[in-house]
C-alpha cells in the first residue's frame, strides 16, 4: 500500500517533522492510534524515501498483519486498511510533492497545468507508462501530451527526449 500511495513522490523531510514525525537515526517515525485507539500505527520513512507501515494491537502489543493479506476481506480488516490509507494519504498531501516524470521540465509543466487548469496527467496506455495526456476538464478533449521520442526525429540529439 505505501508503495502505491507514495509512487512518484518527493518527500520533504522538514515537513515530516512539522507533521509530527520524530527523527530516529536514519529514519523518520510517526506514531498514532487507529480503530478507536485499539491499534498503534507506526509509519517509518527512511532517508532514501522508502515508506513502511507497522500496526500493533495495543492490548497485546503484538503486531497485527492481517491487513497485508489480500485474501482477508472482512469488515474489520477493511476498516484497518482504510484508516492506514487515510493516514498515508494525509502524510502524502502535507509532506510530499508528486513528480510524474523523470525530467524537471516535464514536472514544471505538469505543475503549471495542475495549478492553473486543474488538469492532471492521464497515463492512458499501459504499454507506454510514461506517456501522459492532458484533457480539458469540461469536455475531456486532449490539449497536450508529454511523451518520450527519439531525439533523431527532432534532429536534436541521440537518445530519447
N, C-alpha and C. Protein backbone atom coordinates (compact mmCIF):
# COMPACT_ATOMS: atom_id res chain seq x y z
N UNK A 1 0.80 -1.20 0.00
CA UNK A 1 0.00 0.00 0.00
C UNK A 1 0.86 1.28 0.00
N UNK A 2 1.87 1.39 0.86
CA UNK A 2 2.66 2.62 0.83
C UNK A 2 3.36 2.86 -0.50
N UNK A 3 3.79 1.77 -1.16
CA UNK A 3 4.49 1.93 -2.44
C UNK A 3 3.58 2.61 -3.46
N UNK A 4 2.32 2.20 -3.50
CA UNK A 4 1.37 2.78 -4.46
C UNK A 4 1.08 4.24 -4.12
N UNK A 5 0.87 4.53 -2.86
CA UNK A 5 0.50 5.88 -2.44
C UNK A 5 1.64 6.86 -2.67
N UNK A 6 2.86 6.47 -2.38
CA UNK A 6 4.00 7.38 -2.48
C UNK A 6 4.76 7.25 -3.79
N UNK A 7 4.19 6.54 -4.76
CA UNK A 7 4.81 6.40 -6.07
C UNK A 7 4.96 7.78 -6.70
N UNK A 8 6.12 8.04 -7.26
CA UNK A 8 6.42 9.32 -7.94
C UNK A 8 6.40 10.52 -7.00
N UNK A 9 6.62 10.30 -5.72
CA UNK A 9 6.60 11.40 -4.76
C UNK A 9 8.00 11.74 -4.28
N UNK A 10 8.17 13.01 -3.98
CA UNK A 10 9.39 13.51 -3.37
C UNK A 10 8.99 14.00 -1.97
N UNK A 11 9.53 13.36 -0.95
CA UNK A 11 9.16 13.68 0.42
C UNK A 11 10.00 14.86 0.92
N UNK A 12 9.34 15.80 1.56
CA UNK A 12 10.01 16.95 2.16
C UNK A 12 10.21 16.62 3.64
N UNK A 13 11.44 16.29 4.01
CA UNK A 13 11.71 15.82 5.37
C UNK A 13 11.44 16.87 6.43
N UNK A 14 11.61 18.15 6.10
CA UNK A 14 11.31 19.19 7.09
C UNK A 14 9.81 19.23 7.39
N UNK A 15 8.99 18.93 6.40
CA UNK A 15 7.54 18.89 6.62
C UNK A 15 7.15 17.68 7.47
N UNK A 16 7.94 16.59 7.37
CA UNK A 16 7.65 15.43 8.22
C UNK A 16 7.76 15.80 9.69
N UNK A 17 8.79 16.56 10.04
CA UNK A 17 8.97 16.97 11.44
C UNK A 17 7.79 17.83 11.88
N UNK A 18 7.38 18.77 11.03
CA UNK A 18 6.22 19.62 11.34
C UNK A 18 4.96 18.77 11.51
N UNK A 19 4.83 17.73 10.71
CA UNK A 19 3.66 16.85 10.76
C UNK A 19 3.59 16.08 12.09
N UNK A 20 4.75 15.81 12.68
CA UNK A 20 4.78 15.05 13.93
C UNK A 20 5.71 13.86 13.92
N UNK A 21 6.47 13.69 12.86
CA UNK A 21 7.45 12.62 12.79
C UNK A 21 8.61 12.93 13.73
N UNK A 22 9.23 11.89 14.24
CA UNK A 22 10.43 12.01 15.06
C UNK A 22 11.60 11.44 14.27
N UNK A 23 12.73 12.10 14.33
CA UNK A 23 13.94 11.59 13.65
C UNK A 23 14.60 10.58 14.57
N UNK A 24 14.76 9.35 14.08
CA UNK A 24 15.42 8.28 14.82
C UNK A 24 16.49 7.68 13.92
N UNK A 25 17.74 8.00 14.18
CA UNK A 25 18.88 7.59 13.35
C UNK A 25 18.64 8.04 11.92
N UNK A 26 18.53 7.11 10.96
CA UNK A 26 18.33 7.48 9.55
C UNK A 26 16.86 7.40 9.13
N UNK A 27 15.96 7.33 10.09
CA UNK A 27 14.54 7.18 9.79
C UNK A 27 13.74 8.31 10.41
N UNK A 28 12.57 8.53 9.81
CA UNK A 28 11.58 9.43 10.37
C UNK A 28 10.40 8.55 10.76
N UNK A 29 9.96 8.66 12.02
CA UNK A 29 8.94 7.75 12.56
C UNK A 29 7.76 8.57 13.07
N UNK A 30 6.57 8.12 12.66
CA UNK A 30 5.32 8.75 13.11
C UNK A 30 4.45 7.68 13.73
N UNK A 31 3.89 7.96 14.90
CA UNK A 31 3.00 7.01 15.55
C UNK A 31 1.68 7.68 15.90
N UNK A 32 0.62 6.92 15.69
CA UNK A 32 -0.72 7.38 16.04
C UNK A 32 -1.55 6.15 16.36
N UNK A 33 -2.76 6.37 16.83
CA UNK A 33 -3.65 5.23 17.09
C UNK A 33 -4.77 5.23 16.06
N UNK A 34 -5.28 4.03 15.79
CA UNK A 34 -6.39 3.85 14.85
C UNK A 34 -7.41 2.91 15.45
N UNK A 35 -8.55 2.79 14.82
CA UNK A 35 -9.65 1.91 15.23
C UNK A 35 -9.98 2.17 16.71
N UNK A 36 -10.40 3.39 16.98
CA UNK A 36 -10.82 3.77 18.34
C UNK A 36 -9.76 3.46 19.39
N UNK A 37 -8.52 3.79 19.06
CA UNK A 37 -7.38 3.62 19.98
C UNK A 37 -7.12 2.17 20.38
N UNK A 38 -7.45 1.22 19.51
CA UNK A 38 -7.15 -0.18 19.83
C UNK A 38 -5.88 -0.67 19.14
N UNK A 39 -5.41 0.08 18.14
CA UNK A 39 -4.20 -0.28 17.43
C UNK A 39 -3.26 0.92 17.36
N UNK A 40 -1.98 0.62 17.35
CA UNK A 40 -0.96 1.64 17.14
C UNK A 40 -0.48 1.52 15.70
N UNK A 41 -0.46 2.63 15.00
CA UNK A 41 0.04 2.68 13.63
C UNK A 41 1.37 3.42 13.64
N UNK A 42 2.38 2.77 13.10
CA UNK A 42 3.71 3.39 13.00
C UNK A 42 4.08 3.48 11.53
N UNK A 43 4.39 4.70 11.09
CA UNK A 43 4.83 4.94 9.72
C UNK A 43 6.31 5.29 9.79
N UNK A 44 7.12 4.56 9.03
CA UNK A 44 8.57 4.77 9.03
C UNK A 44 8.99 5.17 7.62
N UNK A 45 9.69 6.29 7.52
CA UNK A 45 10.20 6.76 6.23
C UNK A 45 11.71 6.89 6.35
N UNK A 46 12.42 6.16 5.48
CA UNK A 46 13.88 6.21 5.51
C UNK A 46 14.37 7.45 4.75
N UNK A 47 15.63 7.77 4.92
CA UNK A 47 16.21 8.90 4.19
C UNK A 47 16.25 8.64 2.69
N UNK A 48 16.12 7.36 2.30
CA UNK A 48 16.04 7.01 0.88
C UNK A 48 14.59 7.02 0.39
N UNK A 49 13.68 7.50 1.23
CA UNK A 49 12.27 7.69 0.92
C UNK A 49 11.48 6.38 0.78
N UNK A 50 11.93 5.34 1.44
CA UNK A 50 11.16 4.09 1.49
C UNK A 50 10.19 4.20 2.66
N UNK A 51 8.93 3.92 2.39
CA UNK A 51 7.88 4.06 3.40
C UNK A 51 7.40 2.67 3.82
N UNK A 52 7.39 2.41 5.12
CA UNK A 52 6.86 1.16 5.64
C UNK A 52 5.85 1.46 6.75
N UNK A 53 4.99 0.48 6.99
CA UNK A 53 3.93 0.62 7.98
C UNK A 53 3.98 -0.57 8.93
N UNK A 54 3.78 -0.30 10.20
CA UNK A 54 3.66 -1.35 11.21
C UNK A 54 2.40 -1.07 12.02
N UNK A 55 1.66 -2.13 12.33
CA UNK A 55 0.45 -1.99 13.14
C UNK A 55 0.55 -2.95 14.31
N UNK A 56 0.25 -2.43 15.50
CA UNK A 56 0.32 -3.25 16.72
C UNK A 56 -1.01 -3.17 17.47
N UNK A 57 -1.43 -4.31 17.99
CA UNK A 57 -2.60 -4.38 18.87
C UNK A 57 -2.17 -3.81 20.22
N UNK A 58 -2.80 -2.76 20.68
CA UNK A 58 -2.38 -2.11 21.93
C UNK A 58 -2.67 -2.95 23.16
N UNK A 59 -3.63 -3.86 23.08
CA UNK A 59 -3.94 -4.68 24.24
C UNK A 59 -2.88 -5.77 24.45
N UNK A 60 -2.43 -6.38 23.35
CA UNK A 60 -1.47 -7.47 23.46
C UNK A 60 -0.04 -7.04 23.13
N UNK A 61 0.08 -5.90 22.47
CA UNK A 61 1.36 -5.38 21.99
C UNK A 61 1.99 -6.28 20.91
N UNK A 62 1.17 -7.11 20.28
CA UNK A 62 1.63 -7.96 19.18
C UNK A 62 1.37 -7.26 17.85
N UNK A 63 2.20 -7.55 16.85
CA UNK A 63 1.95 -6.99 15.52
C UNK A 63 0.63 -7.52 14.94
N UNK A 64 -0.08 -6.66 14.25
CA UNK A 64 -1.29 -7.05 13.53
C UNK A 64 -0.94 -6.99 12.05
N UNK A 65 -0.99 -8.13 11.38
CA UNK A 65 -0.55 -8.20 9.98
C UNK A 65 -1.65 -8.61 9.00
N UNK A 66 -2.84 -8.88 9.49
CA UNK A 66 -3.91 -9.35 8.59
C UNK A 66 -4.22 -8.35 7.47
N UNK A 67 -4.01 -7.06 7.71
CA UNK A 67 -4.30 -6.07 6.69
C UNK A 67 -3.42 -6.25 5.45
N UNK A 68 -2.30 -6.95 5.60
CA UNK A 68 -1.39 -7.18 4.47
C UNK A 68 -1.83 -8.35 3.59
N UNK A 69 -2.69 -9.21 4.10
CA UNK A 69 -3.12 -10.41 3.39
C UNK A 69 -4.29 -10.03 2.48
N UNK A 70 -4.05 -10.07 1.17
CA UNK A 70 -5.07 -9.63 0.21
C UNK A 70 -6.36 -10.44 0.30
N UNK A 71 -6.26 -11.71 0.65
CA UNK A 71 -7.45 -12.57 0.72
C UNK A 71 -8.35 -12.23 1.90
N UNK A 72 -7.81 -11.51 2.88
CA UNK A 72 -8.62 -11.10 4.03
C UNK A 72 -9.54 -9.97 3.58
N UNK A 73 -10.87 -10.20 3.66
CA UNK A 73 -11.81 -9.22 3.14
C UNK A 73 -12.90 -8.84 4.14
N UNK A 74 -12.77 -9.23 5.38
CA UNK A 74 -13.79 -8.91 6.37
C UNK A 74 -13.89 -7.42 6.63
N UNK A 75 -14.99 -7.02 7.28
CA UNK A 75 -15.22 -5.60 7.53
C UNK A 75 -14.18 -5.01 8.46
N UNK A 76 -13.69 -5.79 9.43
CA UNK A 76 -12.71 -5.25 10.38
C UNK A 76 -11.38 -4.97 9.69
N UNK A 77 -10.87 -5.95 8.96
CA UNK A 77 -9.58 -5.75 8.28
C UNK A 77 -9.70 -4.66 7.22
N UNK A 78 -10.85 -4.54 6.61
CA UNK A 78 -11.09 -3.47 5.64
C UNK A 78 -11.03 -2.11 6.32
N UNK A 79 -11.60 -2.01 7.50
CA UNK A 79 -11.56 -0.76 8.27
C UNK A 79 -10.12 -0.41 8.65
N UNK A 80 -9.32 -1.40 9.04
CA UNK A 80 -7.92 -1.16 9.37
C UNK A 80 -7.19 -0.61 8.12
N UNK A 81 -7.40 -1.26 6.99
CA UNK A 81 -6.76 -0.81 5.74
C UNK A 81 -7.16 0.63 5.40
N UNK A 82 -8.44 0.93 5.56
CA UNK A 82 -8.94 2.27 5.24
C UNK A 82 -8.28 3.33 6.12
N UNK A 83 -8.16 3.05 7.41
CA UNK A 83 -7.55 4.03 8.31
C UNK A 83 -6.06 4.20 8.03
N UNK A 84 -5.38 3.11 7.67
CA UNK A 84 -3.97 3.22 7.29
C UNK A 84 -3.86 4.07 6.02
N UNK A 85 -4.70 3.78 5.05
CA UNK A 85 -4.67 4.52 3.79
C UNK A 85 -4.96 6.00 4.01
N UNK A 86 -5.95 6.33 4.83
CA UNK A 86 -6.26 7.73 5.13
C UNK A 86 -5.07 8.45 5.73
N UNK A 87 -4.39 7.79 6.66
CA UNK A 87 -3.22 8.38 7.30
C UNK A 87 -2.11 8.61 6.28
N UNK A 88 -1.83 7.61 5.45
CA UNK A 88 -0.77 7.74 4.45
C UNK A 88 -1.10 8.83 3.42
N UNK A 89 -2.35 8.91 3.00
CA UNK A 89 -2.74 9.95 2.05
C UNK A 89 -2.60 11.34 2.66
N UNK A 90 -2.91 11.48 3.93
CA UNK A 90 -2.76 12.75 4.62
C UNK A 90 -1.29 13.15 4.69
N UNK A 91 -0.42 12.18 5.02
CA UNK A 91 1.02 12.44 5.07
C UNK A 91 1.50 12.86 3.68
N UNK A 92 1.05 12.15 2.65
CA UNK A 92 1.46 12.48 1.29
C UNK A 92 1.03 13.90 0.93
N UNK A 93 -0.20 14.25 1.23
CA UNK A 93 -0.73 15.56 0.89
C UNK A 93 0.05 16.68 1.58
N UNK A 94 0.42 16.46 2.83
CA UNK A 94 1.05 17.52 3.63
C UNK A 94 2.57 17.52 3.60
N UNK A 95 3.19 16.41 3.17
CA UNK A 95 4.64 16.30 3.29
C UNK A 95 5.36 15.88 2.01
N UNK A 96 4.66 15.77 0.90
CA UNK A 96 5.31 15.30 -0.33
C UNK A 96 4.78 16.05 -1.54
N UNK A 97 5.59 16.06 -2.57
CA UNK A 97 5.16 16.58 -3.86
C UNK A 97 5.29 15.44 -4.87
N UNK A 98 4.39 15.44 -5.82
CA UNK A 98 4.38 14.37 -6.81
C UNK A 98 5.25 14.75 -7.99
N UNK A 99 6.12 13.85 -8.39
CA UNK A 99 6.93 14.00 -9.60
C UNK A 99 6.45 12.96 -10.59
N UNK A 100 5.68 13.40 -11.56
CA UNK A 100 5.09 12.47 -12.51
C UNK A 100 6.11 11.97 -13.55
N UNK A 101 7.13 12.80 -13.82
CA UNK A 101 8.04 12.49 -14.91
C UNK A 101 9.49 12.53 -14.44
N UNK A 102 10.38 12.03 -15.27
CA UNK A 102 11.81 11.97 -14.94
C UNK A 102 12.47 13.34 -15.00
N UNK A 103 12.03 14.18 -15.92
CA UNK A 103 12.72 15.45 -16.11
C UNK A 103 12.05 16.58 -15.34
N UNK A 104 12.89 17.52 -14.91
CA UNK A 104 12.38 18.67 -14.15
C UNK A 104 11.45 19.52 -15.02
N UNK A 105 11.78 19.68 -16.30
CA UNK A 105 10.95 20.49 -17.20
C UNK A 105 9.54 19.91 -17.33
N UNK A 106 9.44 18.60 -17.53
CA UNK A 106 8.12 17.97 -17.64
C UNK A 106 7.33 18.13 -16.36
N UNK A 107 8.00 18.03 -15.22
CA UNK A 107 7.31 18.21 -13.93
C UNK A 107 6.89 19.66 -13.71
N UNK A 108 7.70 20.63 -14.17
CA UNK A 108 7.31 22.05 -14.06
C UNK A 108 6.07 22.33 -14.90
N UNK A 109 6.05 21.80 -16.12
CA UNK A 109 4.89 21.99 -17.00
C UNK A 109 3.65 21.37 -16.36
N UNK A 110 3.81 20.16 -15.85
CA UNK A 110 2.70 19.46 -15.22
C UNK A 110 2.16 20.24 -14.03
N UNK A 111 3.05 20.74 -13.19
CA UNK A 111 2.62 21.53 -12.02
C UNK A 111 1.83 22.76 -12.45
N UNK A 112 2.30 23.43 -13.49
CA UNK A 112 1.61 24.62 -14.01
C UNK A 112 0.21 24.26 -14.50
N UNK A 113 0.09 23.15 -15.22
CA UNK A 113 -1.23 22.73 -15.74
C UNK A 113 -2.17 22.35 -14.60
N UNK A 114 -1.64 21.71 -13.57
CA UNK A 114 -2.47 21.34 -12.42
C UNK A 114 -2.92 22.60 -11.69
N UNK A 115 -1.97 23.48 -11.41
CA UNK A 115 -2.28 24.70 -10.64
C UNK A 115 -3.24 25.63 -11.38
N UNK A 116 -3.00 25.84 -12.67
CA UNK A 116 -3.79 26.81 -13.42
C UNK A 116 -5.10 26.25 -13.96
N UNK A 117 -5.07 25.00 -14.44
CA UNK A 117 -6.25 24.45 -15.13
C UNK A 117 -6.89 23.27 -14.40
N UNK A 118 -6.30 22.84 -13.29
CA UNK A 118 -6.79 21.68 -12.54
C UNK A 118 -6.88 20.45 -13.44
N UNK A 119 -5.89 20.32 -14.29
CA UNK A 119 -5.82 19.23 -15.25
C UNK A 119 -4.64 18.34 -14.88
N UNK A 120 -4.92 17.10 -14.55
CA UNK A 120 -3.90 16.16 -14.12
C UNK A 120 -3.50 15.24 -15.28
N UNK A 121 -2.26 14.75 -15.28
CA UNK A 121 -1.84 13.85 -16.35
C UNK A 121 -2.62 12.54 -16.31
N UNK A 122 -3.00 12.08 -17.47
CA UNK A 122 -3.71 10.81 -17.61
C UNK A 122 -2.77 9.84 -18.33
N UNK A 123 -2.32 8.84 -17.60
CA UNK A 123 -1.41 7.84 -18.17
C UNK A 123 -2.29 6.76 -18.79
N UNK A 124 -2.68 6.97 -20.02
CA UNK A 124 -3.74 6.20 -20.66
C UNK A 124 -3.29 4.87 -21.27
N UNK A 125 -2.00 4.67 -21.46
CA UNK A 125 -1.54 3.49 -22.17
C UNK A 125 -0.65 2.61 -21.31
N UNK A 126 -1.12 1.44 -20.92
CA UNK A 126 -0.27 0.54 -20.12
C UNK A 126 1.04 0.18 -20.85
N UNK A 127 1.00 0.11 -22.17
CA UNK A 127 2.19 -0.23 -22.94
C UNK A 127 3.24 0.89 -22.87
N UNK A 128 2.78 2.12 -22.65
CA UNK A 128 3.67 3.29 -22.57
C UNK A 128 3.39 4.02 -21.25
N UNK A 129 3.88 3.49 -20.14
CA UNK A 129 3.51 4.05 -18.83
C UNK A 129 4.04 5.45 -18.57
N UNK A 130 4.97 5.96 -19.39
CA UNK A 130 5.50 7.31 -19.17
C UNK A 130 4.88 8.34 -20.10
N UNK A 131 3.91 7.94 -20.92
CA UNK A 131 3.20 8.87 -21.79
C UNK A 131 1.97 9.36 -21.05
N UNK A 132 1.77 10.67 -21.06
CA UNK A 132 0.60 11.23 -20.37
C UNK A 132 -0.06 12.28 -21.26
N UNK A 133 -1.39 12.25 -21.24
CA UNK A 133 -2.15 13.28 -21.94
C UNK A 133 -2.80 14.19 -20.91
N UNK A 134 -3.07 15.40 -21.35
CA UNK A 134 -3.79 16.36 -20.52
C UNK A 134 -5.10 16.66 -21.22
N UNK A 135 -6.18 16.65 -20.45
CA UNK A 135 -7.51 16.82 -21.01
C UNK A 135 -8.17 18.07 -20.45
N UNK A 136 -8.97 18.69 -21.27
CA UNK A 136 -9.80 19.80 -20.80
C UNK A 136 -10.79 19.24 -19.78
N UNK A 137 -10.83 19.78 -18.56
CA UNK A 137 -11.72 19.22 -17.53
C UNK A 137 -13.21 19.25 -17.90
N UNK A 138 -13.62 20.20 -18.76
CA UNK A 138 -15.04 20.28 -19.11
C UNK A 138 -15.46 19.26 -20.16
N UNK A 139 -14.66 19.11 -21.22
CA UNK A 139 -15.11 18.23 -22.30
C UNK A 139 -14.23 16.99 -22.50
N UNK A 140 -13.17 16.86 -21.70
CA UNK A 140 -12.27 15.71 -21.73
C UNK A 140 -11.47 15.56 -23.03
N UNK A 141 -11.46 16.61 -23.87
CA UNK A 141 -10.65 16.55 -25.09
C UNK A 141 -9.19 16.83 -24.73
N UNK A 142 -8.31 16.13 -25.44
CA UNK A 142 -6.88 16.32 -25.20
C UNK A 142 -6.46 17.71 -25.65
N UNK A 143 -5.56 18.31 -24.90
CA UNK A 143 -4.93 19.54 -25.35
C UNK A 143 -3.41 19.46 -25.23
N UNK A 144 -2.90 18.39 -24.66
CA UNK A 144 -1.45 18.25 -24.53
C UNK A 144 -1.05 16.82 -24.27
N UNK A 145 0.21 16.54 -24.57
CA UNK A 145 0.76 15.21 -24.30
C UNK A 145 2.24 15.37 -23.93
N UNK A 146 2.68 14.58 -22.99
CA UNK A 146 4.10 14.50 -22.67
C UNK A 146 4.50 13.05 -22.91
N UNK A 147 5.51 12.87 -23.75
CA UNK A 147 5.97 11.53 -24.08
C UNK A 147 7.43 11.59 -24.50
N UNK A 148 8.09 10.46 -24.47
CA UNK A 148 9.47 10.37 -24.93
C UNK A 148 9.47 9.95 -26.39
N UNK A 149 10.34 10.62 -27.15
CA UNK A 149 10.53 10.21 -28.54
C UNK A 149 12.03 10.20 -28.82
N UNK A 150 12.42 9.57 -29.90
CA UNK A 150 13.83 9.53 -30.28
C UNK A 150 14.28 10.93 -30.71
N UNK A 151 15.41 11.35 -30.17
CA UNK A 151 15.93 12.67 -30.47
C UNK A 151 16.21 12.90 -31.93
N UNK A 152 16.56 11.83 -32.66
CA UNK A 152 16.85 11.95 -34.09
C UNK A 152 15.64 12.47 -34.87
N UNK A 153 14.44 12.15 -34.39
CA UNK A 153 13.23 12.61 -35.09
C UNK A 153 13.11 14.13 -35.04
N UNK A 154 13.72 14.73 -34.03
CA UNK A 154 13.70 16.19 -33.92
C UNK A 154 15.01 16.80 -34.40
N UNK A 155 15.87 15.97 -34.92
CA UNK A 155 17.21 16.38 -35.34
C UNK A 155 17.92 17.08 -34.18
N UNK A 156 17.66 16.61 -32.99
CA UNK A 156 18.20 17.25 -31.80
C UNK A 156 19.45 16.54 -31.32
N UNK A 157 19.26 15.36 -30.80
CA UNK A 157 20.38 14.62 -30.25
C UNK A 157 20.02 13.15 -30.24
N UNK A 158 21.02 12.36 -29.89
CA UNK A 158 20.77 10.93 -29.82
C UNK A 158 20.11 10.59 -28.50
N UNK A 159 19.38 9.50 -28.50
CA UNK A 159 18.69 9.08 -27.29
C UNK A 159 17.28 9.63 -27.27
N UNK A 160 16.64 9.44 -26.15
CA UNK A 160 15.26 9.88 -26.01
C UNK A 160 15.19 11.29 -25.47
N UNK A 161 14.20 12.03 -25.96
CA UNK A 161 13.93 13.38 -25.46
C UNK A 161 12.45 13.50 -25.14
